[in-house]
C-alpha atoms as a PDB file:
ATOM      1  CA  UNK A   1      -0.078  -0.058   0.011  1.00  0.00           C
ATOM      2  CA  UNK A   2       1.286   3.485  -1.194  1.00  0.00           C
ATOM      3  CA  UNK A   3       1.497   6.761   1.679  1.00  0.00           C
ATOM      4  CA  UNK A   4      -1.268   8.339  -0.372  1.00  0.00           C
ATOM      5  CA  UNK A   5      -3.452   4.989  -0.286  1.00  0.00           C
ATOM      6  CA  UNK A   6      -2.696   5.233   3.335  1.00  0.00           C
ATOM      7  CA  UNK A   7      -3.842   8.781   3.885  1.00  0.00           C
ATOM      8  CA  UNK A   8      -6.985   8.697   2.229  1.00  0.00           C
ATOM      9  CA  UNK A   9      -7.680   4.993   4.494  1.00  0.00           C
ATOM     10  CA  UNK A  10      -6.934   7.755   7.294  1.00  0.00           C
ATOM     11  CA  UNK A  11      -9.117  10.343   6.208  1.00  0.00           C
ATOM     12  CA  UNK A  12     -12.124   8.086   5.224  1.00  0.00           C
ATOM     13  CA  UNK A  13     -12.095   6.618   9.046  1.00  0.00           C
ATOM     14  CA  UNK A  14     -12.679  10.250  10.083  1.00  0.00           C
ATOM     15  CA  UNK A  15      -9.295  10.874  11.207  1.00  0.00           C
ATOM     16  CA  UNK A  16      -7.352  14.211  11.406  1.00  0.00           C
ATOM     17  CA  UNK A  17      -3.838  14.282   9.644  1.00  0.00           C
ATOM     18  CA  UNK A  18      -2.126  16.413  11.453  1.00  0.00           C
ATOM     19  CA  UNK A  19       0.234  18.201   7.927  1.00  0.00           C
ATOM     20  CA  UNK A  20      -2.970  19.531   6.572  1.00  0.00           C
ATOM     21  CA  UNK A  21      -3.721  21.067   9.777  1.00  0.00           C
ATOM     22  CA  UNK A  22      -0.813  23.178   9.779  1.00  0.00           C
ATOM     23  CA  UNK A  23      -0.778  23.363   6.686  1.00  0.00           C
ATOM     24  CA  UNK A  24      -3.835  25.250   7.304  1.00  0.00           C
ATOM     25  CA  UNK A  25      -3.078  27.214  10.028  1.00  0.00           C
ATOM     26  CA  UNK A  26      -0.134  28.576   8.351  1.00  0.00           C
ATOM     27  CA  UNK A  27      -2.085  29.823   5.327  1.00  0.00           C
ATOM     28  CA  UNK A  28      -4.067  31.100   8.015  1.00  0.00           C
ATOM     29  CA  UNK A  29      -0.604  32.622  10.135  1.00  0.00           C
ATOM     30  CA  UNK A  30      -1.749  36.571   9.199  1.00  0.00           C
ATOM     31  CA  UNK A  31      -5.304  36.512  10.941  1.00  0.00           C
ATOM     32  CA  UNK A  32      -4.145  34.782  13.505  1.00  0.00           C
ATOM     33  CA  UNK A  33      -1.140  37.011  13.910  1.00  0.00           C
ATOM     34  CA  UNK A  34      -3.947  39.975  13.309  1.00  0.00           C
ATOM     35  CA  UNK A  35      -6.250  38.852  15.802  1.00  0.00           C
ATOM     36  CA  UNK A  36      -3.300  38.260  18.699  1.00  0.00           C
ATOM     37  CA  UNK A  37      -2.448  41.537  18.028  1.00  0.00           C
ATOM     38  CA  UNK A  38      -5.732  43.100  17.978  1.00  0.00           C
ATOM     39  CA  UNK A  39      -6.748  41.201  21.261  1.00  0.00           C
ATOM     40  CA  UNK A  40      -3.351  42.822  22.897  1.00  0.00           C
ATOM     41  CA  UNK A  41      -3.952  46.256  21.683  1.00  0.00           C
ATOM     42  CA  UNK A  42      -7.591  46.589  23.413  1.00  0.00           C
ATOM     43  CA  UNK A  43      -6.167  44.675  26.659  1.00  0.00           C
ATOM     44  CA  UNK A  44      -3.197  47.300  27.039  1.00  0.00           C
ATOM     45  CA  UNK A  45      -5.637  50.050  26.002  1.00  0.00           C
ATOM     46  CA  UNK A  46      -8.537  49.191  28.955  1.00  0.00           C
ATOM     47  CA  UNK A  47      -5.537  48.882  31.186  1.00  0.00           C
ATOM     48  CA  UNK A  48      -4.146  52.464  29.880  1.00  0.00           C
ATOM     49  CA  UNK A  49      -7.779  54.354  29.855  1.00  0.00           C
ATOM     50  CA  UNK A  50      -9.570  52.603  32.676  1.00  0.00           C
ATOM     51  CA  UNK A  51      -8.254  54.710  35.746  1.00  0.00           C
ATOM     52  CA  UNK A  52      -6.836  52.320  38.366  1.00  0.00           C
ATOM     53  CA  UNK A  53      -8.456  51.325  41.783  1.00  0.00           C
ATOM     54  CA  UNK A  54      -6.316  51.937  45.102  1.00  0.00           C
ATOM     55  CA  UNK A  55      -7.153  49.722  48.505  1.00  0.00           C
ATOM     56  CA  UNK A  56      -5.925  50.575  52.049  1.00  0.00           C
ATOM     57  CA  UNK A  57      -6.585  47.961  54.639  1.00  0.00           C
ATOM     58  CA  UNK A  58      -6.574  48.684  58.422  1.00  0.00           C
ATOM     59  CA  UNK A  59      -6.250  45.701  60.525  1.00  0.00           C
ATOM     60  CA  UNK A  60      -7.869  46.166  64.536  1.00  0.00           C
ATOM     61  CA  UNK A  61      -7.373  43.879  67.653  1.00  0.00           C
ATOM     62  CA  UNK A  62      -7.972  44.101  71.280  1.00  0.00           C
ATOM     63  CA  UNK A  63      -6.313  47.292  72.971  1.00  0.00           C
ATOM     64  CA  UNK A  64      -3.800  46.603  75.776  1.00  0.00           C
ATOM     65  CA  UNK A  65      -4.545  46.696  79.481  1.00  0.00           C
ATOM     66  CA  UNK A  66      -2.838  50.073  79.914  1.00  0.00           C
ATOM     67  CA  UNK A  67      -4.990  51.306  77.182  1.00  0.00           C
ATOM     68  CA  UNK A  68      -8.105  51.493  78.506  1.00  0.00           C
ATOM     69  CA  UNK A  69      -6.668  52.126  82.528  1.00  0.00           C
ATOM     70  CA  UNK A  70      -8.312  55.329  81.842  1.00  0.00           C
ATOM     71  CA  UNK A  71     -11.416  54.319  82.007  1.00  0.00           C
ATOM     72  CA  UNK A  72     -10.603  52.219  85.708  1.00  0.00           C
ATOM     73  CA  UNK A  73      -9.715  55.213  87.600  1.00  0.00           C
ATOM     74  CA  UNK A  74     -11.963  55.052  90.452  1.00  0.00           C
ATOM     75  CA  UNK A  75     -13.421  52.015  90.063  1.00  0.00           C
ATOM     76  CA  UNK A  76     -11.397  49.628  91.757  1.00  0.00           C
ATOM     77  CA  UNK A  77     -12.286  48.448  95.275  1.00  0.00           C
ATOM     78  CA  UNK A  78     -15.807  49.741  95.117  1.00  0.00           C
ATOM     79  CA  UNK A  79     -19.117  48.695  93.845  1.00  0.00           C
ATOM     80  CA  UNK A  80     -17.853  49.088  90.401  1.00  0.00           C
ATOM     81  CA  UNK A  81     -16.804  46.533  88.015  1.00  0.00           C
ATOM     82  CA  UNK A  82     -13.432  47.679  86.286  1.00  0.00           C
ATOM     83  CA  UNK A  83     -14.003  47.673  82.606  1.00  0.00           C
ATOM     84  CA  UNK A  84     -12.302  44.701  81.117  1.00  0.00           C
ATOM     85  CA  UNK A  85     -10.188  44.663  77.539  1.00  0.00           C
ATOM     86  CA  UNK A  86     -12.899  42.430  76.061  1.00  0.00           C
ATOM     87  CA  UNK A  87     -15.605  44.733  76.942  1.00  0.00           C
ATOM     88  CA  UNK A  88     -14.111  47.360  75.525  1.00  0.00           C
ATOM     89  CA  UNK A  89     -13.273  45.713  72.367  1.00  0.00           C
ATOM     90  CA  UNK A  90     -16.828  44.923  72.501  1.00  0.00           C
ATOM     91  CA  UNK A  91     -18.433  48.384  71.995  1.00  0.00           C
ATOM     92  CA  UNK A  92     -15.796  49.101  69.210  1.00  0.00           C
ATOM     93  CA  UNK A  93     -16.246  45.968  66.703  1.00  0.00           C
ATOM     94  CA  UNK A  94     -20.296  46.291  67.574  1.00  0.00           C
ATOM     95  CA  UNK A  95     -19.677  50.114  66.213  1.00  0.00           C
ATOM     96  CA  UNK A  96     -17.241  48.918  63.548  1.00  0.00           C
ATOM     97  CA  UNK A  97     -20.069  46.815  62.062  1.00  0.00           C
ATOM     98  CA  UNK A  98     -23.029  49.124  62.840  1.00  0.00           C
ATOM     99  CA  UNK A  99     -25.446  49.736  60.215  1.00  0.00           C
ATOM    100  CA  UNK A 100     -26.206  53.007  61.824  1.00  0.00           C
ATOM    101  CA  UNK A 101     -21.833  53.809  61.568  1.00  0.00           C
ATOM    102  CA  UNK A 102     -21.707  53.228  57.793  1.00  0.00           C
ATOM    103  CA  UNK A 103     -24.912  54.942  56.894  1.00  0.00           C
ATOM    104  CA  UNK A 104     -23.254  58.140  58.735  1.00  0.00           C
ATOM    105  CA  UNK A 105     -20.673  57.874  57.033  1.00  0.00           C
ATOM    106  CA  UNK A 106     -22.352  57.763  53.799  1.00  0.00           C
ATOM    107  CA  UNK A 107     -24.392  60.479  54.561  1.00  0.00           C
ATOM    108  CA  UNK A 108     -21.559  63.009  55.955  1.00  0.00           C
ATOM    109  CA  UNK A 109     -18.650  61.407  53.995  1.00  0.00           C
ATOM    110  CA  UNK A 110     -19.012  59.613  51.271  1.00  0.00           C
ATOM    111  CA  UNK A 111     -21.653  61.311  49.297  1.00  0.00           C
ATOM    112  CA  UNK A 112     -19.678  65.060  49.599  1.00  0.00           C
ATOM    113  CA  UNK A 113     -16.907  63.645  47.727  1.00  0.00           C
ATOM    114  CA  UNK A 114     -19.003  62.951  45.138  1.00  0.00           C
ATOM    115  CA  UNK A 115     -19.333  65.553  41.903  1.00  0.00           C
ATOM    116  CA  UNK A 116     -22.722  66.695  41.431  1.00  0.00           C
ATOM    117  CA  UNK A 117     -23.234  63.982  38.195  1.00  0.00           C
ATOM    118  CA  UNK A 118     -22.308  60.895  40.342  1.00  0.00           C
ATOM    119  CA  UNK A 119     -24.516  61.720  43.335  1.00  0.00           C
ATOM    120  CA  UNK A 120     -27.834  61.185  40.553  1.00  0.00           C
ATOM    121  CA  UNK A 121     -29.903  58.588  41.083  1.00  0.00           C
ATOM    122  CA  UNK A 122     -31.686  56.944  43.513  1.00  0.00           C
ATOM    123  CA  UNK A 123     -29.922  56.813  47.130  1.00  0.00           C
ATOM    124  CA  UNK A 124     -29.758  52.810  47.116  1.00  0.00           C
ATOM    125  CA  UNK A 125     -28.009  52.587  44.177  1.00  0.00           C
ATOM    126  CA  UNK A 126     -25.181  55.260  45.304  1.00  0.00           C
ATOM    127  CA  UNK A 127     -25.072  52.934  49.193  1.00  0.00           C
ATOM    128  CA  UNK A 128     -24.824  49.639  47.203  1.00  0.00           C
ATOM    129  CA  UNK A 129     -21.769  51.422  45.177  1.00  0.00           C
ATOM    130  CA  UNK A 130     -20.350  52.856  48.668  1.00  0.00           C
ATOM    131  CA  UNK A 131     -20.508  49.095  49.917  1.00  0.00           C
ATOM    132  CA  UNK A 132     -18.748  47.912  47.798  1.00  0.00           C
ATOM    133  CA  UNK A 133     -15.815  50.088  48.076  1.00  0.00           C
ATOM    134  CA  UNK A 134     -16.217  49.938  51.512  1.00  0.00           C
ATOM    135  CA  UNK A 135     -16.173  46.720  53.589  1.00  0.00           C
ATOM    136  CA  UNK A 136     -15.512  44.970  56.616  1.00  0.00           C
ATOM    137  CA  UNK A 137     -14.340  41.933  57.219  1.00  0.00           C
ATOM    138  CA  UNK A 138     -15.416  39.861  60.571  1.00  0.00           C
ATOM    139  CA  UNK A 139     -12.542  37.735  62.081  1.00  0.00           C
ATOM    140  CA  UNK A 140     -12.545  34.101  61.207  1.00  0.00           C
ATOM    141  CA  UNK A 141     -11.161  30.872  63.064  1.00  0.00           C
ATOM    142  CA  UNK A 142      -7.320  31.249  63.053  1.00  0.00           C
ATOM    143  CA  UNK A 143      -7.389  35.067  63.857  1.00  0.00           C
ATOM    144  CA  UNK A 144     -10.979  35.610  65.959  1.00  0.00           C
ATOM    145  CA  UNK A 145     -10.297  39.122  67.252  1.00  0.00           C
ATOM    146  CA  UNK A 146      -9.050  40.429  63.901  1.00  0.00           C
ATOM    147  CA  UNK A 147     -10.999  42.731  62.035  1.00  0.00           C
ATOM    148  CA  UNK A 148     -10.430  44.400  58.820  1.00  0.00           C
ATOM    149  CA  UNK A 149     -11.752  47.668  57.349  1.00  0.00           C
ATOM    150  CA  UNK A 150     -10.981  47.617  53.319  1.00  0.00           C
ATOM    151  CA  UNK A 151     -11.519  50.654  51.796  1.00  0.00           C
ATOM    152  CA  UNK A 152     -11.138  50.881  47.533  1.00  0.00           C
ATOM    153  CA  UNK A 153     -11.198  54.122  45.635  1.00  0.00           C
ATOM    154  CA  UNK A 154      -9.455  55.796  42.627  1.00  0.00           C
ATOM    155  CA  UNK A 155      -7.543  58.200  44.395  1.00  0.00           C
ATOM    156  CA  UNK A 156      -4.868  57.041  46.676  1.00  0.00           C
ATOM    157  CA  UNK A 157      -5.096  59.671  49.476  1.00  0.00           C
ATOM    158  CA  UNK A 158      -8.811  58.959  49.240  1.00  0.00           C
ATOM    159  CA  UNK A 159      -8.614  55.857  50.812  1.00  0.00           C
ATOM    160  CA  UNK A 160      -6.696  56.610  53.496  1.00  0.00           C
ATOM    161  CA  UNK A 161      -8.126  59.305  54.959  1.00  0.00           C
ATOM    162  CA  UNK A 162     -11.825  57.602  54.089  1.00  0.00           C
ATOM    163  CA  UNK A 163     -10.128  55.077  56.458  1.00  0.00           C
ATOM    164  CA  UNK A 164      -9.069  57.310  59.260  1.00  0.00           C
ATOM    165  CA  UNK A 165     -11.971  59.328  59.544  1.00  0.00           C
ATOM    166  CA  UNK A 166     -14.154  56.482  59.804  1.00  0.00           C
ATOM    167  CA  UNK A 167     -11.924  54.676  62.613  1.00  0.00           C
ATOM    168  CA  UNK A 168     -11.907  58.159  64.306  1.00  0.00           C
ATOM    169  CA  UNK A 169     -16.054  58.656  64.568  1.00  0.00           C
ATOM    170  CA  UNK A 170     -16.592  54.996  65.286  1.00  0.00           C
ATOM    171  CA  UNK A 171     -13.342  54.953  68.489  1.00  0.00           C
ATOM    172  CA  UNK A 172     -15.484  58.381  69.336  1.00  0.00           C
ATOM    173  CA  UNK A 173     -18.702  56.973  69.293  1.00  0.00           C
ATOM    174  CA  UNK A 174     -17.090  53.785  71.327  1.00  0.00           C
ATOM    175  CA  UNK A 175     -15.372  56.330  73.677  1.00  0.00           C
ATOM    176  CA  UNK A 176     -18.934  58.090  74.725  1.00  0.00           C
ATOM    177  CA  UNK A 177     -20.982  54.836  74.423  1.00  0.00           C
ATOM    178  CA  UNK A 178     -18.175  53.775  77.215  1.00  0.00           C
ATOM    179  CA  UNK A 179     -18.338  56.517  79.625  1.00  0.00           C
ATOM    180  CA  UNK A 180     -21.975  56.672  78.875  1.00  0.00           C
ATOM    181  CA  UNK A 181     -22.335  53.491  80.608  1.00  0.00           C
ATOM    182  CA  UNK A 182     -20.111  54.970  83.251  1.00  0.00           C
ATOM    183  CA  UNK A 183     -22.393  57.705  83.926  1.00  0.00           C
ATOM    184  CA  UNK A 184     -25.413  55.592  84.709  1.00  0.00           C
ATOM    185  CA  UNK A 185     -23.728  53.039  86.838  1.00  0.00           C
ATOM    186  CA  UNK A 186     -23.132  55.867  88.975  1.00  0.00           C
ATOM    187  CA  UNK A 187     -26.289  57.491  88.728  1.00  0.00           C
ATOM    188  CA  UNK A 188     -27.344  53.864  89.334  1.00  0.00           C
ATOM    189  CA  UNK A 189     -25.670  53.280  92.391  1.00  0.00           C
ATOM    190  CA  UNK A 190     -25.636  57.483  94.000  1.00  0.00           C
ATOM    191  CA  UNK A 191     -30.031  56.778  93.812  1.00  0.00           C
ATOM    192  CA  UNK A 192     -29.560  53.442  95.407  1.00  0.00           C
ATOM    193  CA  UNK A 193     -27.771  55.403  98.193  1.00  0.00           C
ATOM    194  CA  UNK A 194     -29.690  57.820  98.558  1.00  0.00           C
ATOM    195  CA  UNK A 195     -32.634  55.903  98.976  1.00  0.00           C
ATOM    196  CA  UNK A 196     -30.083  53.976 101.667  1.00  0.00           C
ATOM    197  CA  UNK A 197     -29.820  57.910 103.051  1.00  0.00           C
ATOM    198  CA  UNK A 198     -33.543  58.199 102.427  1.00  0.00           C
ATOM    199  CA  UNK A 199     -34.240  55.336 105.066  1.00  0.00           C
ATOM    200  CA  UNK A 200     -32.119  56.029 107.115  1.00  0.00           C
ATOM    201  CA  UNK A 201     -33.500  59.381 108.016  1.00  0.00           C
ATOM    202  CA  UNK A 202     -36.696  58.147 108.488  1.00  0.00           C
ATOM    203  CA  UNK A 203     -35.711  54.773 110.685  1.00  0.00           C
ATOM    204  CA  UNK A 204     -33.760  57.693 112.666  1.00  0.00           C
ATOM    205  CA  UNK A 205     -36.612  59.759 113.198  1.00  0.00           C
ATOM    206  CA  UNK A 206     -39.010  57.043 114.145  1.00  0.00           C
ATOM    207  CA  UNK A 207     -36.351  55.915 116.756  1.00  0.00           C
ATOM    208  CA  UNK A 208     -35.829  59.349 117.707  1.00  0.00           C
ATOM    209  CA  UNK A 209     -39.865  60.287 117.998  1.00  0.00           C
ATOM    210  CA  UNK A 210     -40.488  56.742 120.043  1.00  0.00           C
ATOM    211  CA  UNK A 211     -37.685  57.696 122.287  1.00  0.00           C
ATOM    212  CA  UNK A 212     -39.670  61.519 123.001  1.00  0.00           C
ATOM    213  CA  UNK A 213     -43.131  59.543 123.473  1.00  0.00           C
ATOM    214  CA  UNK A 214     -41.246  56.660 126.329  1.00  0.00           C
ATOM    215  CA  UNK A 215     -39.905  60.393 127.760  1.00  0.00           C
ATOM    216  CA  UNK A 216     -43.062  62.111 128.038  1.00  0.00           C
ATOM    217  CA  UNK A 217     -44.803  59.020 129.130  1.00  0.00           C
ATOM    218  CA  UNK A 218     -41.971  58.794 132.065  1.00  0.00           C
ATOM    219  CA  UNK A 219     -42.294  62.333 132.878  1.00  0.00           C
ATOM    220  CA  UNK A 220     -46.338  61.631 133.542  1.00  0.00           C
ATOM    221  CA  UNK A 221     -45.948  58.659 135.716  1.00  0.00           C
ATOM    222  CA  UNK A 222     -43.006  60.828 137.681  1.00  0.00           C
END
């Protein structure tokens, strides 16, 4: 059997002749090169024309005991329980993830930073856009106390500024909340002490009146 006969027999079985495939690719070489060049040009044009996205990441861990020492001034050795690291950190992380905190930041910081054109549209759409660029990742099993704040923007300075302003806002809110809790505890204890003093005064007054009545009865008998 000749080579041509063998080749025709292979074609008859529906198999592909590698030499013919290579010849076909060679004939289409300029078309393949053109497609590759156009694809590379489109990718380069997109990378050149599209705005780069910058990202800032801020990690949070529980504070040290010395960092919260100011909250415990005058609380040790009395009826007030000292604030713990876990308790103070729980207040901060709750405010860090609170919808109220992100909504307030969206209204007071994010919206004013947009142009008049970018502010067009519904608030829900703008808030969804904001949440894509502003996210808080909860801790995982490896680091159960570690929270992560991720801020994205086309402006690298803005990413850092937004992260700093949000952290300052949450820190101030958490500090005020801890101080408010302390104030309420003092008020509760103060109210209890006032009630106790009032009860002691009433009891002393009643004993004094009883003693006076006893003396008066003694005088009558005498």
